Amino acid sequence: MIKLSSPEWFESAPCRGNDRTFFSSKPSQRKSAVKVCAGCTASAKCLDFAVTNKITIGVWGGKTGPELDRLVNS
């Protein structure tokens, strides 16, 4: 198992504490998560964090799991 530390930008990100929305299997909740990302100033850093660490589950930087998988594995 890989243990990652929370990056500094995550401390004030609007997604913090909303794991159920950002890791939901429900399309409506994933769409809500993507909308939160659209207004987040750390979205680009978040996406970079996910791609760099090969995270393909959940919504990161406005991208869903399948989108992240394509980025990570391209």
N, C-alpha and C. Protein backbone atom coordinates (compact mmCIF):
# COMPACT_ATOMS: atom_id res chain seq x y z
N MET A 1 0.83 -1.17 0.00
CA MET A 1 0.00 0.00 0.00
C MET A 1 0.88 1.24 0.00
N ILE A 2 0.48 2.22 -0.82
CA ILE A 2 1.21 3.48 -0.90
C ILE A 2 0.54 4.50 0.01
N LYS A 3 1.34 5.19 0.79
CA LYS A 3 0.82 6.25 1.67
C LYS A 3 1.29 7.58 1.13
N LEU A 4 0.34 8.46 0.83
CA LEU A 4 0.67 9.78 0.32
C LEU A 4 0.34 10.83 1.38
N SER A 5 1.15 11.84 1.45
CA SER A 5 0.88 12.96 2.35
C SER A 5 0.02 13.98 1.62
N SER A 6 -0.84 14.67 2.37
CA SER A 6 -1.66 15.71 1.77
C SER A 6 -0.78 16.88 1.36
N PRO A 7 -0.92 17.33 0.13
CA PRO A 7 -0.15 18.50 -0.28
C PRO A 7 -0.68 19.76 0.40
N GLU A 8 0.14 20.78 0.45
CA GLU A 8 -0.21 22.03 1.12
C GLU A 8 -1.49 22.66 0.56
N TRP A 9 -1.66 22.63 -0.76
CA TRP A 9 -2.83 23.25 -1.38
C TRP A 9 -4.14 22.57 -0.97
N PHE A 10 -4.07 21.33 -0.53
CA PHE A 10 -5.27 20.59 -0.17
C PHE A 10 -5.92 21.11 1.12
N GLU A 11 -5.12 21.72 1.98
CA GLU A 11 -5.63 22.20 3.26
C GLU A 11 -6.78 23.19 3.12
N SER A 12 -6.78 24.00 2.06
CA SER A 12 -7.85 24.99 1.88
C SER A 12 -8.70 24.72 0.64
N ALA A 13 -8.59 23.54 0.07
CA ALA A 13 -9.36 23.20 -1.14
C ALA A 13 -10.83 22.98 -0.79
N PRO A 14 -11.74 23.40 -1.67
CA PRO A 14 -13.17 23.25 -1.40
C PRO A 14 -13.65 21.80 -1.36
N CYS A 15 -12.86 20.88 -1.85
CA CYS A 15 -13.25 19.47 -1.85
C CYS A 15 -12.96 18.79 -0.51
N ARG A 16 -12.14 19.40 0.29
CA ARG A 16 -11.73 18.78 1.55
C ARG A 16 -12.96 18.43 2.41
N GLY A 17 -13.01 17.19 2.84
CA GLY A 17 -14.11 16.71 3.66
C GLY A 17 -15.31 16.21 2.87
N ASN A 18 -15.20 16.21 1.55
CA ASN A 18 -16.30 15.76 0.70
C ASN A 18 -15.97 14.46 -0.03
N ASP A 19 -15.36 13.53 0.66
CA ASP A 19 -14.95 12.27 0.04
C ASP A 19 -16.10 11.53 -0.62
N ARG A 20 -17.26 11.54 0.00
CA ARG A 20 -18.40 10.81 -0.57
C ARG A 20 -18.78 11.32 -1.95
N THR A 21 -18.63 12.60 -2.17
CA THR A 21 -18.94 13.17 -3.48
C THR A 21 -17.83 12.87 -4.48
N PHE A 22 -16.60 13.03 -4.07
CA PHE A 22 -15.46 12.89 -4.98
C PHE A 22 -15.07 11.44 -5.27
N PHE A 23 -15.57 10.51 -4.47
CA PHE A 23 -15.27 9.10 -4.69
C PHE A 23 -16.54 8.28 -4.81
N SER A 24 -17.60 8.90 -5.28
CA SER A 24 -18.90 8.25 -5.42
C SER A 24 -18.98 7.45 -6.72
N SER A 25 -19.80 6.42 -6.71
CA SER A 25 -20.06 5.67 -7.93
C SER A 25 -21.28 6.24 -8.67
N LYS A 26 -21.92 7.24 -8.08
CA LYS A 26 -23.11 7.84 -8.69
C LYS A 26 -22.70 8.96 -9.65
N PRO A 27 -23.13 8.86 -10.92
CA PRO A 27 -22.77 9.90 -11.90
C PRO A 27 -23.17 11.31 -11.47
N SER A 28 -24.30 11.47 -10.81
CA SER A 28 -24.74 12.82 -10.41
C SER A 28 -23.77 13.43 -9.39
N GLN A 29 -23.25 12.61 -8.50
CA GLN A 29 -22.30 13.13 -7.52
C GLN A 29 -20.96 13.44 -8.17
N ARG A 30 -20.54 12.62 -9.12
CA ARG A 30 -19.30 12.91 -9.84
C ARG A 30 -19.42 14.23 -10.60
N LYS A 31 -20.60 14.49 -11.20
CA LYS A 31 -20.81 15.75 -11.90
C LYS A 31 -20.72 16.92 -10.93
N SER A 32 -21.26 16.74 -9.73
CA SER A 32 -21.17 17.79 -8.70
C SER A 32 -19.71 18.04 -8.33
N ALA A 33 -18.94 16.97 -8.21
CA ALA A 33 -17.53 17.10 -7.87
C ALA A 33 -16.77 17.87 -8.95
N VAL A 34 -17.05 17.56 -10.20
CA VAL A 34 -16.39 18.24 -11.31
C VAL A 34 -16.71 19.74 -11.28
N LYS A 35 -17.94 20.09 -10.92
CA LYS A 35 -18.33 21.50 -10.81
C LYS A 35 -17.55 22.21 -9.71
N VAL A 36 -17.33 21.51 -8.59
CA VAL A 36 -16.54 22.09 -7.50
C VAL A 36 -15.12 22.36 -8.00
N CYS A 37 -14.57 21.42 -8.75
CA CYS A 37 -13.22 21.58 -9.28
C CYS A 37 -13.11 22.79 -10.21
N ALA A 38 -14.18 23.04 -10.97
CA ALA A 38 -14.17 24.14 -11.94
C ALA A 38 -13.93 25.49 -11.26
N GLY A 39 -14.36 25.62 -10.02
CA GLY A 39 -14.16 26.88 -9.30
C GLY A 39 -12.99 26.89 -8.35
N CYS A 40 -12.19 25.86 -8.38
CA CYS A 40 -11.08 25.72 -7.44
C CYS A 40 -9.77 26.24 -8.04
N THR A 41 -9.07 27.06 -7.28
CA THR A 41 -7.80 27.61 -7.75
C THR A 41 -6.68 26.57 -7.75
N ALA A 42 -6.87 25.47 -7.06
CA ALA A 42 -5.84 24.43 -6.99
C ALA A 42 -6.10 23.28 -7.97
N SER A 43 -7.06 23.45 -8.85
CA SER A 43 -7.45 22.37 -9.76
C SER A 43 -6.29 21.82 -10.59
N ALA A 44 -5.46 22.70 -11.14
CA ALA A 44 -4.33 22.25 -11.96
C ALA A 44 -3.32 21.47 -11.11
N LYS A 45 -3.06 21.95 -9.89
CA LYS A 45 -2.14 21.25 -8.99
C LYS A 45 -2.71 19.90 -8.60
N CYS A 46 -4.01 19.85 -8.38
CA CYS A 46 -4.69 18.62 -8.00
C CYS A 46 -4.58 17.58 -9.12
N LEU A 47 -4.85 18.02 -10.34
CA LEU A 47 -4.75 17.11 -11.49
C LEU A 47 -3.32 16.60 -11.64
N ASP A 48 -2.36 17.49 -11.51
CA ASP A 48 -0.95 17.09 -11.60
C ASP A 48 -0.60 16.07 -10.51
N PHE A 49 -1.10 16.29 -9.29
CA PHE A 49 -0.87 15.37 -8.18
C PHE A 49 -1.41 13.98 -8.52
N ALA A 50 -2.62 13.93 -9.06
CA ALA A 50 -3.23 12.64 -9.39
C ALA A 50 -2.45 11.92 -10.49
N VAL A 51 -2.10 12.63 -11.54
CA VAL A 51 -1.38 12.02 -12.65
C VAL A 51 0.02 11.58 -12.21
N THR A 52 0.72 12.42 -11.49
CA THR A 52 2.07 12.09 -11.02
C THR A 52 2.06 10.86 -10.13
N ASN A 53 1.03 10.74 -9.29
CA ASN A 53 0.95 9.61 -8.36
C ASN A 53 0.10 8.45 -8.89
N LYS A 54 -0.28 8.55 -10.16
CA LYS A 54 -1.03 7.49 -10.85
C LYS A 54 -2.34 7.13 -10.14
N ILE A 55 -3.05 8.16 -9.71
CA ILE A 55 -4.34 7.98 -9.04
C ILE A 55 -5.42 8.02 -10.11
N THR A 56 -6.18 6.95 -10.23
CA THR A 56 -7.20 6.87 -11.28
C THR A 56 -8.59 6.58 -10.70
N ILE A 57 -8.74 6.81 -9.43
CA ILE A 57 -10.02 6.60 -8.76
C ILE A 57 -10.47 7.94 -8.18
N GLY A 58 -11.71 8.27 -8.41
CA GLY A 58 -12.26 9.51 -7.87
C GLY A 58 -12.19 10.64 -8.87
N VAL A 59 -12.50 11.84 -8.41
CA VAL A 59 -12.43 13.05 -9.23
C VAL A 59 -11.27 13.88 -8.69
N TRP A 60 -10.35 14.20 -9.58
CA TRP A 60 -9.16 14.98 -9.23
C TRP A 60 -8.96 16.05 -10.30
N GLY A 61 -8.86 17.28 -9.91
CA GLY A 61 -8.61 18.36 -10.87
C GLY A 61 -9.66 18.45 -11.96
N GLY A 62 -10.88 18.06 -11.65
CA GLY A 62 -11.96 18.13 -12.62
C GLY A 62 -12.05 16.95 -13.57
N LYS A 63 -11.24 15.95 -13.35
CA LYS A 63 -11.25 14.76 -14.21
C LYS A 63 -11.77 13.55 -13.43
N THR A 64 -12.59 12.75 -14.09
CA THR A 64 -13.14 11.55 -13.46
C THR A 64 -12.15 10.38 -13.62
N GLY A 65 -12.43 9.29 -12.94
CA GLY A 65 -11.56 8.11 -12.98
C GLY A 65 -11.16 7.68 -14.39
N PRO A 66 -12.13 7.47 -15.31
CA PRO A 66 -11.75 7.06 -16.66
C PRO A 66 -10.86 8.10 -17.38
N GLU A 67 -11.15 9.39 -17.15
CA GLU A 67 -10.32 10.43 -17.76
C GLU A 67 -8.92 10.42 -17.17
N LEU A 68 -8.83 10.22 -15.88
CA LEU A 68 -7.52 10.13 -15.21
C LEU A 68 -6.75 8.92 -15.72
N ASP A 69 -7.44 7.81 -15.89
CA ASP A 69 -6.79 6.58 -16.38
C ASP A 69 -6.17 6.82 -17.75
N ARG A 70 -6.89 7.52 -18.62
CA ARG A 70 -6.35 7.81 -19.95
C ARG A 70 -5.12 8.71 -19.85
N LEU A 71 -5.14 9.68 -18.94
CA LEU A 71 -3.98 10.57 -18.77
C LEU A 71 -2.77 9.83 -18.20
N VAL A 72 -3.03 8.99 -17.22
CA VAL A 72 -1.95 8.26 -16.55
C VAL A 72 -1.32 7.23 -17.49
N ASN A 73 -2.14 6.61 -18.30
CA ASN A 73 -1.67 5.51 -19.14
C ASN A 73 -1.45 5.90 -20.60
N SER A 74 -1.34 7.19 -20.87
CA SER A 74 -1.10 7.60 -22.27
C SER A 74 0.37 7.75 -22.56
